[in-house]
Each structure stands twice: as C-alpha cells, then as structure tokens.
Amino acid sequence: MIKNTAYAALATLLYLTSSTTIAGDAAAGKTRAAACAACHGLNGIGTQPIYPNLAGQKAEYITQTLVGFKSGDRKNAIMNAMAAPLSDSDIANLAAYYSSLKCQ
C-alpha cells in the first residue's frame, strides 16, 4: 500500500512538473464544469456544507486532486466515478476555470 502511494505521489509530481503539462482553457473548463455544478455550484461554491468550494483554489491543487481521484489514490466513490472519464485536457481546463473564479 505504501509502495503504491509513493508511486502515485511520484507520478503526480512528475505530471505537475512536466514541461508537457497542458495549459488549461477556462472557457472550456466552464463548459465541462456543468457536470460538477450539482455539488460544487455554478460559481464554484459548494451547494451543501459537505461539498468543498472550488472557486479560487489554485490550479495546481485542483489538478493534483482530480488526478488523485482519477487514479484512485484519493478515495471517494462519487469523485472517483466523476474523475474517471476526465482527460488531461479536461482536468487542466477545470483547474483553469475554478482557479479563475473569485472566492466568496
């Protein structure tokens, strides 16, 4: 288990520091975020106290979090299922969009 976590952490680090990291498109991220709005709100503010606010989070944090959910390193049945079909571009676009929003 620790070995897998270490490999996943290394993979995430390499992904985040890679020169081939995809620059996000906030407009495309806004479109893709429609699927996220039920829990995270249209403006990135959680619709219920149990759902985190995404507005104003750093793009790197959102990217790392979504990569973790997609890989299964972060465990949450809903988010693992939501992140599974995301491409690298989708993740970068969502990160660009949510990081562009103002915290409230």
PDB file of N, CA and C in Angstrom:
ATOM      1  N   MET A   1       0.816  -1.183   0.000  1.00  0.00           N
ATOM      2  CA  MET A   1       0.000   0.000   0.000  1.00  0.00           C
ATOM      3  C   MET A   1       0.865   1.253   0.000  1.00  0.00           C
ATOM      4  N   ILE A   2       1.865   1.309   0.881  1.00  0.00           N
ATOM      5  CA  ILE A   2       2.747   2.469   0.946  1.00  0.00           C
ATOM      6  C   ILE A   2       3.515   2.605  -0.361  1.00  0.00           C
ATOM      7  N   LYS A   3       3.937   1.479  -0.913  1.00  0.00           N
ATOM      8  CA  LYS A   3       4.684   1.494  -2.163  1.00  0.00           C
ATOM      9  C   LYS A   3       3.825   2.096  -3.283  1.00  0.00           C
ATOM     10  N   ASN A   4       2.557   1.680  -3.372  1.00  0.00           N
ATOM     11  CA  ASN A   4       1.655   2.216  -4.392  1.00  0.00           C
ATOM     12  C   ASN A   4       1.417   3.705  -4.186  1.00  0.00           C
ATOM     13  N   THR A   5       1.281   4.119  -2.946  1.00  0.00           N
ATOM     14  CA  THR A   5       1.077   5.529  -2.649  1.00  0.00           C
ATOM     15  C   THR A   5       2.305   6.340  -3.046  1.00  0.00           C
ATOM     16  N   ALA A   6       3.474   5.805  -2.783  1.00  0.00           N
ATOM     17  CA  ALA A   6       4.710   6.502  -3.163  1.00  0.00           C
ATOM     18  C   ALA A   6       4.817   6.623  -4.674  1.00  0.00           C
ATOM     19  N   TYR A   7       4.477   5.559  -5.395  1.00  0.00           N
ATOM     20  CA  TYR A   7       4.499   5.622  -6.856  1.00  0.00           C
ATOM     21  C   TYR A   7       3.490   6.631  -7.376  1.00  0.00           C
ATOM     22  N   ALA A   8       2.309   6.646  -6.783  1.00  0.00           N
ATOM     23  CA  ALA A   8       1.273   7.588  -7.212  1.00  0.00           C
ATOM     24  C   ALA A   8       1.706   9.019  -6.925  1.00  0.00           C
ATOM     25  N   ALA A   9       2.322   9.247  -5.785  1.00  0.00           N
ATOM     26  CA  ALA A   9       2.795  10.588  -5.446  1.00  0.00           C
ATOM     27  C   ALA A   9       3.877  11.033  -6.427  1.00  0.00           C
ATOM     28  N   LEU A  10       4.772  10.127  -6.767  1.00  0.00           N
ATOM     29  CA  LEU A  10       5.813  10.439  -7.738  1.00  0.00           C
ATOM     30  C   LEU A  10       5.211  10.730  -9.102  1.00  0.00           C
ATOM     31  N   ALA A  11       4.239   9.938  -9.519  1.00  0.00           N
ATOM     32  CA  ALA A  11       3.586  10.161 -10.813  1.00  0.00           C
ATOM     33  C   ALA A  11       2.886  11.510 -10.840  1.00  0.00           C
ATOM     34  N   THR A  12       2.232  11.862  -9.749  1.00  0.00           N
ATOM     35  CA  THR A  12       1.560  13.160  -9.668  1.00  0.00           C
ATOM     36  C   THR A  12       2.572  14.287  -9.723  1.00  0.00           C
ATOM     37  N   LEU A  13       3.667  14.148  -8.993  1.00  0.00           N
ATOM     38  CA  LEU A  13       4.706  15.165  -9.010  1.00  0.00           C
ATOM     39  C   LEU A  13       5.279  15.339 -10.412  1.00  0.00           C
ATOM     40  N   LEU A  14       5.565  14.239 -11.069  1.00  0.00           N
ATOM     41  CA  LEU A  14       6.083  14.310 -12.434  1.00  0.00           C
ATOM     42  C   LEU A  14       5.072  14.955 -13.370  1.00  0.00           C
ATOM     43  N   TYR A  15       3.809  14.614 -13.201  1.00  0.00           N
ATOM     44  CA  TYR A  15       2.752  15.206 -14.023  1.00  0.00           C
ATOM     45  C   TYR A  15       2.702  16.713 -13.823  1.00  0.00           C
ATOM     46  N   LEU A  16       2.758  17.150 -12.562  1.00  0.00           N
ATOM     47  CA  LEU A  16       2.621  18.570 -12.268  1.00  0.00           C
ATOM     48  C   LEU A  16       3.846  19.380 -12.676  1.00  0.00           C
ATOM     49  N   THR A  17       5.019  18.754 -12.691  1.00  0.00           N
ATOM     50  CA  THR A  17       6.234  19.490 -13.025  1.00  0.00           C
ATOM     51  C   THR A  17       6.691  19.257 -14.460  1.00  0.00           C
ATOM     52  N   SER A  18       5.972  18.448 -15.190  1.00  0.00           N
ATOM     53  CA  SER A  18       6.349  18.132 -16.562  1.00  0.00           C
ATOM     54  C   SER A  18       6.223  19.352 -17.459  1.00  0.00           C
ATOM     55  N   SER A  19       7.145  19.482 -18.394  1.00  0.00           N
ATOM     56  CA  SER A  19       7.068  20.585 -19.355  1.00  0.00           C
ATOM     57  C   SER A  19       5.954  20.357 -20.360  1.00  0.00           C
ATOM     58  N   THR A  20       5.391  19.158 -20.376  1.00  0.00           N
ATOM     59  CA  THR A  20       4.301  18.870 -21.302  1.00  0.00           C
ATOM     60  C   THR A  20       2.933  19.033 -20.650  1.00  0.00           C
ATOM     61  N   THR A  21       2.913  19.592 -19.431  1.00  0.00           N
ATOM     62  CA  THR A  21       1.638  19.833 -18.766  1.00  0.00           C
ATOM     63  C   THR A  21       0.789  20.736 -19.645  1.00  0.00           C
ATOM     64  N   ILE A  22      -0.453  20.362 -19.780  1.00  0.00           N
ATOM     65  CA  ILE A  22      -1.365  21.081 -20.655  1.00  0.00           C
ATOM     66  C   ILE A  22      -1.835  22.348 -19.967  1.00  0.00           C
ATOM     67  N   ALA A  23      -1.747  23.470 -20.688  1.00  0.00           N
ATOM     68  CA  ALA A  23      -2.282  24.720 -20.168  1.00  0.00           C
ATOM     69  C   ALA A  23      -3.799  24.660 -20.266  1.00  0.00           C
ATOM     70  N   GLY A  24      -4.460  25.053 -19.219  1.00  0.00           N
ATOM     71  CA  GLY A  24      -5.910  24.974 -19.186  1.00  0.00           C
ATOM     72  C   GLY A  24      -6.591  26.125 -19.902  1.00  0.00           C
ATOM     73  N   ASP A  25      -7.771  25.849 -20.384  1.00  0.00           N
ATOM     74  CA  ASP A  25      -8.640  26.819 -21.048  1.00  0.00           C
ATOM     75  C   ASP A  25      -9.857  27.005 -20.144  1.00  0.00           C
ATOM     76  N   ALA A  26      -9.941  28.159 -19.488  1.00  0.00           N
ATOM     77  CA  ALA A  26     -11.012  28.398 -18.524  1.00  0.00           C
ATOM     78  C   ALA A  26     -12.391  28.349 -19.171  1.00  0.00           C
ATOM     79  N   ALA A  27     -12.516  28.816 -20.404  1.00  0.00           N
ATOM     80  CA  ALA A  27     -13.823  28.778 -21.079  1.00  0.00           C
ATOM     81  C   ALA A  27     -14.272  27.341 -21.321  1.00  0.00           C
ATOM     82  N   ALA A  28     -13.352  26.497 -21.745  1.00  0.00           N
ATOM     83  CA  ALA A  28     -13.676  25.079 -21.935  1.00  0.00           C
ATOM     84  C   ALA A  28     -13.958  24.429 -20.588  1.00  0.00           C
ATOM     85  N   GLY A  29     -13.241  24.847 -19.556  1.00  0.00           N
ATOM     86  CA  GLY A  29     -13.469  24.320 -18.222  1.00  0.00           C
ATOM     87  C   GLY A  29     -14.845  24.676 -17.693  1.00  0.00           C
ATOM     88  N   LYS A  30     -15.308  25.885 -18.010  1.00  0.00           N
ATOM     89  CA  LYS A  30     -16.645  26.299 -17.586  1.00  0.00           C
ATOM     90  C   LYS A  30     -17.698  25.384 -18.194  1.00  0.00           C
ATOM     91  N   THR A  31     -17.532  25.050 -19.464  1.00  0.00           N
ATOM     92  CA  THR A  31     -18.459  24.139 -20.135  1.00  0.00           C
ATOM     93  C   THR A  31     -18.415  22.768 -19.483  1.00  0.00           C
ATOM     94  N   ARG A  32     -17.222  22.263 -19.227  1.00  0.00           N
ATOM     95  CA  ARG A  32     -17.050  20.924 -18.630  1.00  0.00           C
ATOM     96  C   ARG A  32     -17.561  20.892 -17.192  1.00  0.00           C
ATOM     97  N   ALA A  33     -17.532  22.043 -16.512  1.00  0.00           N
ATOM     98  CA  ALA A  33     -17.932  22.124 -15.109  1.00  0.00           C
ATOM     99  C   ALA A  33     -19.433  21.973 -14.903  1.00  0.00           C
ATOM    100  N   ALA A  34     -20.209  21.952 -15.962  1.00  0.00           N
ATOM    101  CA  ALA A  34     -21.657  21.772 -15.821  1.00  0.00           C
ATOM    102  C   ALA A  34     -21.971  20.498 -15.040  1.00  0.00           C
ATOM    103  N   ALA A  35     -21.166  19.463 -15.250  1.00  0.00           N
ATOM    104  CA  ALA A  35     -21.374  18.195 -14.544  1.00  0.00           C
ATOM    105  C   ALA A  35     -21.022  18.309 -13.059  1.00  0.00           C
ATOM    106  N   CYS A  36     -20.266  19.320 -12.690  1.00  0.00           N
ATOM    107  CA  CYS A  36     -19.815  19.499 -11.308  1.00  0.00           C
ATOM    108  C   CYS A  36     -20.768  20.383 -10.500  1.00  0.00           C
ATOM    109  N   ALA A  37     -21.628  21.119 -11.212  1.00  0.00           N
ATOM    110  CA  ALA A  37     -22.438  22.164 -10.581  1.00  0.00           C
ATOM    111  C   ALA A  37     -23.419  21.646  -9.541  1.00  0.00           C
ATOM    112  N   ALA A  38     -23.907  20.427  -9.680  1.00  0.00           N
ATOM    113  CA  ALA A  38     -24.881  19.920  -8.715  1.00  0.00           C
ATOM    114  C   ALA A  38     -24.317  19.932  -7.295  1.00  0.00           C
ATOM    115  N   CYS A  39     -23.045  19.643  -7.160  1.00  0.00           N
ATOM    116  CA  CYS A  39     -22.417  19.613  -5.837  1.00  0.00           C
ATOM    117  C   CYS A  39     -21.586  20.866  -5.555  1.00  0.00           C
ATOM    118  N   HIS A  40     -20.838  21.327  -6.557  1.00  0.00           N
ATOM    119  CA  HIS A  40     -19.890  22.425  -6.355  1.00  0.00           C
ATOM    120  C   HIS A  40     -20.436  23.774  -6.793  1.00  0.00           C
ATOM    121  N   GLY A  41     -21.688  23.823  -7.233  1.00  0.00           N
ATOM    122  CA  GLY A  41     -22.343  25.079  -7.585  1.00  0.00           C
ATOM    123  C   GLY A  41     -21.899  25.641  -8.925  1.00  0.00           C
ATOM    124  N   LEU A  42     -22.758  26.478  -9.495  1.00  0.00           N
ATOM    125  CA  LEU A  42     -22.451  27.109 -10.783  1.00  0.00           C
ATOM    126  C   LEU A  42     -21.264  28.062 -10.679  1.00  0.00           C
ATOM    127  N   ASN A  43     -21.047  28.615  -9.486  1.00  0.00           N
ATOM    128  CA  ASN A  43     -19.967  29.579  -9.278  1.00  0.00           C
ATOM    129  C   ASN A  43     -18.809  28.999  -8.456  1.00  0.00           C
ATOM    130  N   GLY A  44     -18.773  27.669  -8.323  1.00  0.00           N
ATOM    131  CA  GLY A  44     -17.686  27.019  -7.594  1.00  0.00           C
ATOM    132  C   GLY A  44     -17.844  27.019  -6.091  1.00  0.00           C
ATOM    133  N   ILE A  45     -19.008  27.429  -5.607  1.00  0.00           N
ATOM    134  CA  ILE A  45     -19.282  27.419  -4.171  1.00  0.00           C
ATOM    135  C   ILE A  45     -20.190  26.230  -3.888  1.00  0.00           C
ATOM    136  N   GLY A  46     -19.757  25.331  -3.018  1.00  0.00           N
ATOM    137  CA  GLY A  46     -20.488  24.102  -2.726  1.00  0.00           C
ATOM    138  C   GLY A  46     -21.951  24.358  -2.388  1.00  0.00           C
ATOM    139  N   THR A  47     -22.812  23.494  -2.892  1.00  0.00           N
ATOM    140  CA  THR A  47     -24.251  23.655  -2.684  1.00  0.00           C
ATOM    141  C   THR A  47     -24.693  23.180  -1.300  1.00  0.00           C
ATOM    142  N   GLN A  48     -23.858  22.401  -0.633  1.00  0.00           N
ATOM    143  CA  GLN A  48     -24.111  21.906   0.723  1.00  0.00           C
ATOM    144  C   GLN A  48     -22.796  21.994   1.493  1.00  0.00           C
ATOM    145  N   PRO A  49     -22.872  22.091   2.802  1.00  0.00           N
ATOM    146  CA  PRO A  49     -21.631  22.207   3.584  1.00  0.00           C
ATOM    147  C   PRO A  49     -20.643  21.052   3.373  1.00  0.00           C
ATOM    148  N   ILE A  50     -21.115  19.881   2.984  1.00  0.00           N
ATOM    149  CA  ILE A  50     -20.193  18.749   2.800  1.00  0.00           C
ATOM    150  C   ILE A  50     -19.407  18.820   1.495  1.00  0.00           C
ATOM    151  N   TYR A  51     -19.831  19.700   0.561  1.00  0.00           N
ATOM    152  CA  TYR A  51     -19.144  19.805  -0.728  1.00  0.00           C
ATOM    153  C   TYR A  51     -18.178  20.984  -0.692  1.00  0.00           C
ATOM    154  N   PRO A  52     -16.917  20.750  -1.039  1.00  0.00           N
ATOM    155  CA  PRO A  52     -15.935  21.835  -0.962  1.00  0.00           C
ATOM    156  C   PRO A  52     -16.157  22.916  -2.005  1.00  0.00           C
ATOM    157  N   ASN A  53     -15.774  24.127  -1.622  1.00  0.00           N
ATOM    158  CA  ASN A  53     -15.755  25.239  -2.566  1.00  0.00           C
ATOM    159  C   ASN A  53     -14.535  25.070  -3.467  1.00  0.00           C
ATOM    160  N   LEU A  54     -14.725  25.257  -4.755  1.00  0.00           N
ATOM    161  CA  LEU A  54     -13.620  25.155  -5.705  1.00  0.00           C
ATOM    162  C   LEU A  54     -13.184  26.521  -6.228  1.00  0.00           C
ATOM    163  N   ALA A  55     -14.058  27.507  -6.111  1.00  0.00           N
ATOM    164  CA  ALA A  55     -13.744  28.852  -6.600  1.00  0.00           C
ATOM    165  C   ALA A  55     -12.499  29.386  -5.909  1.00  0.00           C
ATOM    166  N   GLY A  56     -11.553  29.850  -6.704  1.00  0.00           N
ATOM    167  CA  GLY A  56     -10.351  30.467  -6.179  1.00  0.00           C
ATOM    168  C   GLY A  56      -9.272  29.510  -5.708  1.00  0.00           C
ATOM    169  N   GLN A  57      -9.522  28.204  -5.797  1.00  0.00           N
ATOM    170  CA  GLN A  57      -8.465  27.245  -5.442  1.00  0.00           C
ATOM    171  C   GLN A  57      -7.351  27.336  -6.486  1.00  0.00           C
ATOM    172  N   LYS A  58      -6.149  27.037  -6.101  1.00  0.00           N
ATOM    173  CA  LYS A  58      -5.031  27.061  -7.042  1.00  0.00           C
ATOM    174  C   LYS A  58      -5.190  25.947  -8.067  1.00  0.00           C
ATOM    175  N   ALA A  59      -4.859  26.257  -9.311  1.00  0.00           N
ATOM    176  CA  ALA A  59      -4.995  25.294 -10.403  1.00  0.00           C
ATOM    177  C   ALA A  59      -4.208  24.020 -10.113  1.00  0.00           C
ATOM    178  N   GLU A  60      -3.029  24.173  -9.534  1.00  0.00           N
ATOM    179  CA  GLU A  60      -2.197  23.011  -9.237  1.00  0.00           C
ATOM    180  C   GLU A  60      -2.883  22.084  -8.235  1.00  0.00           C
ATOM    181  N   TYR A  61      -3.546  22.667  -7.261  1.00  0.00           N
ATOM    182  CA  TYR A  61      -4.252  21.863  -6.258  1.00  0.00           C
ATOM    183  C   TYR A  61      -5.420  21.108  -6.886  1.00  0.00           C
ATOM    184  N   ILE A  62      -6.189  21.797  -7.712  1.00  0.00           N
ATOM    185  CA  ILE A  62      -7.328  21.152  -8.376  1.00  0.00           C
ATOM    186  C   ILE A  62      -6.830  20.037  -9.285  1.00  0.00           C
ATOM    187  N   THR A  63      -5.771  20.301 -10.015  1.00  0.00           N
ATOM    188  CA  THR A  63      -5.194  19.288 -10.895  1.00  0.00           C
ATOM    189  C   THR A  63      -4.756  18.068 -10.096  1.00  0.00           C
ATOM    190  N   GLN A  64      -3.993  18.298  -9.042  1.00  0.00           N
ATOM    191  CA  GLN A  64      -3.493  17.192  -8.220  1.00  0.00           C
ATOM    192  C   GLN A  64      -4.650  16.395  -7.620  1.00  0.00           C
ATOM    193  N   THR A  65      -5.667  17.086  -7.175  1.00  0.00           N
ATOM    194  CA  THR A  65      -6.817  16.422  -6.561  1.00  0.00           C
ATOM    195  C   THR A  65      -7.559  15.561  -7.574  1.00  0.00           C
ATOM    196  N   LEU A  66      -7.826  16.117  -8.753  1.00  0.00           N
ATOM    197  CA  LEU A  66      -8.545  15.348  -9.779  1.00  0.00           C
ATOM    198  C   LEU A  66      -7.728  14.165 -10.279  1.00  0.00           C
ATOM    199  N   VAL A  67      -6.425  14.352 -10.425  1.00  0.00           N
ATOM    200  CA  VAL A  67      -5.554  13.241 -10.830  1.00  0.00           C
ATOM    201  C   VAL A  67      -5.610  12.136  -9.769  1.00  0.00           C
ATOM    202  N   GLY A  68      -5.609  12.525  -8.509  1.00  0.00           N
ATOM    203  CA  GLY A  68      -5.700  11.548  -7.419  1.00  0.00           C
ATOM    204  C   GLY A  68      -7.015  10.784  -7.429  1.00  0.00           C
ATOM    205  N   PHE A  69      -8.120  11.492  -7.679  1.00  0.00           N
ATOM    206  CA  PHE A  69      -9.413  10.811  -7.762  1.00  0.00           C
ATOM    207  C   PHE A  69      -9.461   9.893  -8.986  1.00  0.00           C
ATOM    208  N   LYS A  70      -8.919  10.374 -10.091  1.00  0.00           N
ATOM    209  CA  LYS A  70      -8.940   9.566 -11.322  1.00  0.00           C
ATOM    210  C   LYS A  70      -8.126   8.286 -11.148  1.00  0.00           C
ATOM    211  N   SER A  71      -6.971   8.395 -10.524  1.00  0.00           N
ATOM    212  CA  SER A  71      -6.103   7.222 -10.335  1.00  0.00           C
ATOM    213  C   SER A  71      -6.608   6.291  -9.238  1.00  0.00           C
ATOM    214  N   GLY A  72      -7.470   6.805  -8.371  1.00  0.00           N
ATOM    215  CA  GLY A  72      -7.952   6.016  -7.258  1.00  0.00           C
ATOM    216  C   GLY A  72      -7.134   6.185  -5.989  1.00  0.00           C
ATOM    217  N   ASP A  73      -6.068   6.991  -6.042  1.00  0.00           N
ATOM    218  CA  ASP A  73      -5.265   7.238  -4.844  1.00  0.00           C
ATOM    219  C   ASP A  73      -6.059   7.996  -3.795  1.00  0.00           C
ATOM    220  N   ARG A  74      -6.923   8.893  -4.247  1.00  0.00           N
ATOM    221  CA  ARG A  74      -7.857   9.567  -3.340  1.00  0.00           C
ATOM    222  C   ARG A  74      -9.159   8.806  -3.430  1.00  0.00           C
ATOM    223  N   LYS A  75      -9.723   8.468  -2.290  1.00  0.00           N
ATOM    224  CA  LYS A  75     -10.914   7.618  -2.254  1.00  0.00           C
ATOM    225  C   LYS A  75     -12.171   8.420  -1.925  1.00  0.00           C
ATOM    226  N   ASN A  76     -13.063   8.455  -2.867  1.00  0.00           N
ATOM    227  CA  ASN A  76     -14.408   8.990  -2.675  1.00  0.00           C
ATOM    228  C   ASN A  76     -15.225   8.429  -3.826  1.00  0.00           C
ATOM    229  N   ALA A  77     -16.220   7.623  -3.526  1.00  0.00           N
ATOM    230  CA  ALA A  77     -16.950   6.910  -4.568  1.00  0.00           C
ATOM    231  C   ALA A  77     -17.511   7.850  -5.633  1.00  0.00           C
ATOM    232  N   ILE A  78     -18.065   8.965  -5.219  1.00  0.00           N
ATOM    233  CA  ILE A  78     -18.648   9.902  -6.189  1.00  0.00           C
ATOM    234  C   ILE A  78     -17.547  10.540  -7.040  1.00  0.00           C
ATOM    235  N   MET A  79     -16.508  11.060  -6.390  1.00  0.00           N
ATOM    236  CA  MET A  79     -15.460  11.751  -7.144  1.00  0.00           C
ATOM    237  C   MET A  79     -14.616  10.793  -7.977  1.00  0.00           C
ATOM    238  N   ASN A  80     -14.410   9.572  -7.502  1.00  0.00           N
ATOM    239  CA  ASN A  80     -13.675   8.604  -8.320  1.00  0.00           C
ATOM    240  C   ASN A  80     -14.430   8.353  -9.614  1.00  0.00           C
ATOM    241  N   ALA A  81     -15.749   8.221  -9.530  1.00  0.00           N
ATOM    242  CA  ALA A  81     -16.565   7.999 -10.728  1.00  0.00           C
ATOM    243  C   ALA A  81     -16.607   9.234 -11.620  1.00  0.00           C
ATOM    244  N   MET A  82     -16.672  10.412 -11.018  1.00  0.00           N
ATOM    245  CA  MET A  82     -16.729  11.649 -11.813  1.00  0.00           C
ATOM    246  C   MET A  82     -15.403  11.921 -12.520  1.00  0.00           C
ATOM    247  N   ALA A  83     -14.291  11.613 -11.872  1.00  0.00           N
ATOM    248  CA  ALA A  83     -12.972  11.914 -12.433  1.00  0.00           C
ATOM    249  C   ALA A  83     -12.504  10.861 -13.437  1.00  0.00           C
ATOM    250  N   ALA A  84     -13.018   9.649 -13.333  1.00  0.00           N
ATOM    251  CA  ALA A  84     -12.534   8.550 -14.184  1.00  0.00           C
ATOM    252  C   ALA A  84     -12.528   8.878 -15.674  1.00  0.00           C
ATOM    253  N   PRO A  85     -13.573   9.488 -16.235  1.00  0.00           N
ATOM    254  CA  PRO A  85     -13.558   9.741 -17.677  1.00  0.00           C
ATOM    255  C   PRO A  85     -12.822  11.019 -18.097  1.00  0.00           C
ATOM    256  N   LEU A  86     -12.313  11.791 -17.145  1.00  0.00           N
ATOM    257  CA  LEU A  86     -11.670  13.061 -17.488  1.00  0.00           C
ATOM    258  C   LEU A  86     -10.340  12.835 -18.203  1.00  0.00           C
ATOM    259  N   SER A  87     -10.136  13.573 -19.270  1.00  0.00           N
ATOM    260  CA  SER A  87      -8.841  13.556 -19.957  1.00  0.00           C
ATOM    261  C   SER A  87      -7.906  14.543 -19.266  1.00  0.00           C
ATOM    262  N   ASP A  88      -6.640  14.517 -19.627  1.00  0.00           N
ATOM    263  CA  ASP A  88      -5.694  15.500 -19.089  1.00  0.00           C
ATOM    264  C   ASP A  88      -6.147  16.914 -19.434  1.00  0.00           C
ATOM    265  N   SER A  89      -6.672  17.097 -20.640  1.00  0.00           N
ATOM    266  CA  SER A  89      -7.171  18.415 -21.048  1.00  0.00           C
ATOM    267  C   SER A  89      -8.363  18.838 -20.204  1.00  0.00           C
ATOM    268  N   ASP A  90      -9.280  17.908 -19.956  1.00  0.00           N
ATOM    269  CA  ASP A  90     -10.435  18.219 -19.110  1.00  0.00           C
ATOM    270  C   ASP A  90      -9.973  18.689 -17.734  1.00  0.00           C
ATOM    271  N   ILE A  91      -9.038  17.982 -17.154  1.00  0.00           N
ATOM    272  CA  ILE A  91      -8.532  18.323 -15.822  1.00  0.00           C
ATOM    273  C   ILE A  91      -7.886  19.701 -15.840  1.00  0.00           C
ATOM    274  N   ALA A  92      -7.051  19.961 -16.831  1.00  0.00           N
ATOM    275  CA  ALA A  92      -6.396  21.272 -16.934  1.00  0.00           C
ATOM    276  C   ALA A  92      -7.428  22.381 -17.133  1.00  0.00           C
ATOM    277  N   ASN A  93      -8.441  22.112 -17.941  1.00  0.00           N
ATOM    278  CA  ASN A  93      -9.475  23.124 -18.188  1.00  0.00           C
ATOM    279  C   ASN A  93     -10.302  23.401 -16.942  1.00  0.00           C
ATOM    280  N   LEU A  94     -10.671  22.348 -16.219  1.00  0.00           N
ATOM    281  CA  LEU A  94     -11.412  22.540 -14.973  1.00  0.00           C
ATOM    282  C   LEU A  94     -10.575  23.310 -13.956  1.00  0.00           C
ATOM    283  N   ALA A  95      -9.311  22.978 -13.863  1.00  0.00           N
ATOM    284  CA  ALA A  95      -8.416  23.687 -12.941  1.00  0.00           C
ATOM    285  C   ALA A  95      -8.299  25.160 -13.321  1.00  0.00           C
ATOM    286  N   ALA A  96      -8.185  25.441 -14.598  1.00  0.00           N
ATOM    287  CA  ALA A  96      -8.100  26.833 -15.052  1.00  0.00           C
ATOM    288  C   ALA A  96      -9.394  27.583 -14.741  1.00  0.00           C
ATOM    289  N   TYR A  97     -10.515  26.947 -14.958  1.00  0.00           N
ATOM    290  CA  TYR A  97     -11.797  27.588 -14.710  1.00  0.00           C
ATOM    291  C   TYR A  97     -11.992  27.884 -13.235  1.00  0.00           C
ATOM    292  N   TYR A  98     -11.904  26.868 -12.390  1.00  0.00           N
ATOM    293  CA  TYR A  98     -12.169  27.091 -10.972  1.00  0.00           C
ATOM    294  C   TYR A  98     -11.156  28.034 -10.334  1.00  0.00           C
ATOM    295  N   SER A  99      -9.910  27.998 -10.775  1.00  0.00           N
ATOM    296  CA  SER A  99      -8.916  28.908 -10.206  1.00  0.00           C
ATOM    297  C   SER A  99      -9.156  30.344 -10.659  1.00  0.00           C
ATOM    298  N   SER A 100      -9.884  30.541 -11.732  1.00  0.00           N
ATOM    299  CA  SER A 100     -10.171  31.903 -12.223  1.00  0.00           C
ATOM    300  C   SER A 100     -11.340  32.562 -11.489  1.00  0.00           C
ATOM    301  N   LEU A 101     -12.109  31.766 -10.753  1.00  0.00           N
ATOM    302  CA  LEU A 101     -13.274  32.295 -10.048  1.00  0.00           C
ATOM    303  C   LEU A 101     -12.846  32.948  -8.720  1.00  0.00           C
ATOM    304  N   LYS A 102     -13.617  33.903  -8.294  1.00  0.00           N
ATOM    305  CA  LYS A 102     -13.362  34.579  -7.022  1.00  0.00           C
ATOM    306  C   LYS A 102     -13.977  33.805  -5.871  1.00  0.00           C
ATOM    307  N   CYS A 103     -13.251  33.720  -4.775  1.00  0.00           N
ATOM    308  CA  CYS A 103     -13.794  33.137  -3.539  1.00  0.00           C
ATOM    309  C   CYS A 103     -14.877  34.070  -3.018  1.00  0.00           C
ATOM    310  N   GLN A 104     -15.843  33.500  -2.359  1.00  0.00           N
ATOM    311  CA  GLN A 104     -16.899  34.349  -1.782  1.00  0.00           C
ATOM    312  C   GLN A 104     -16.962  34.199  -0.297  1.00  0.00           C
TER     313      GLN A 104
END
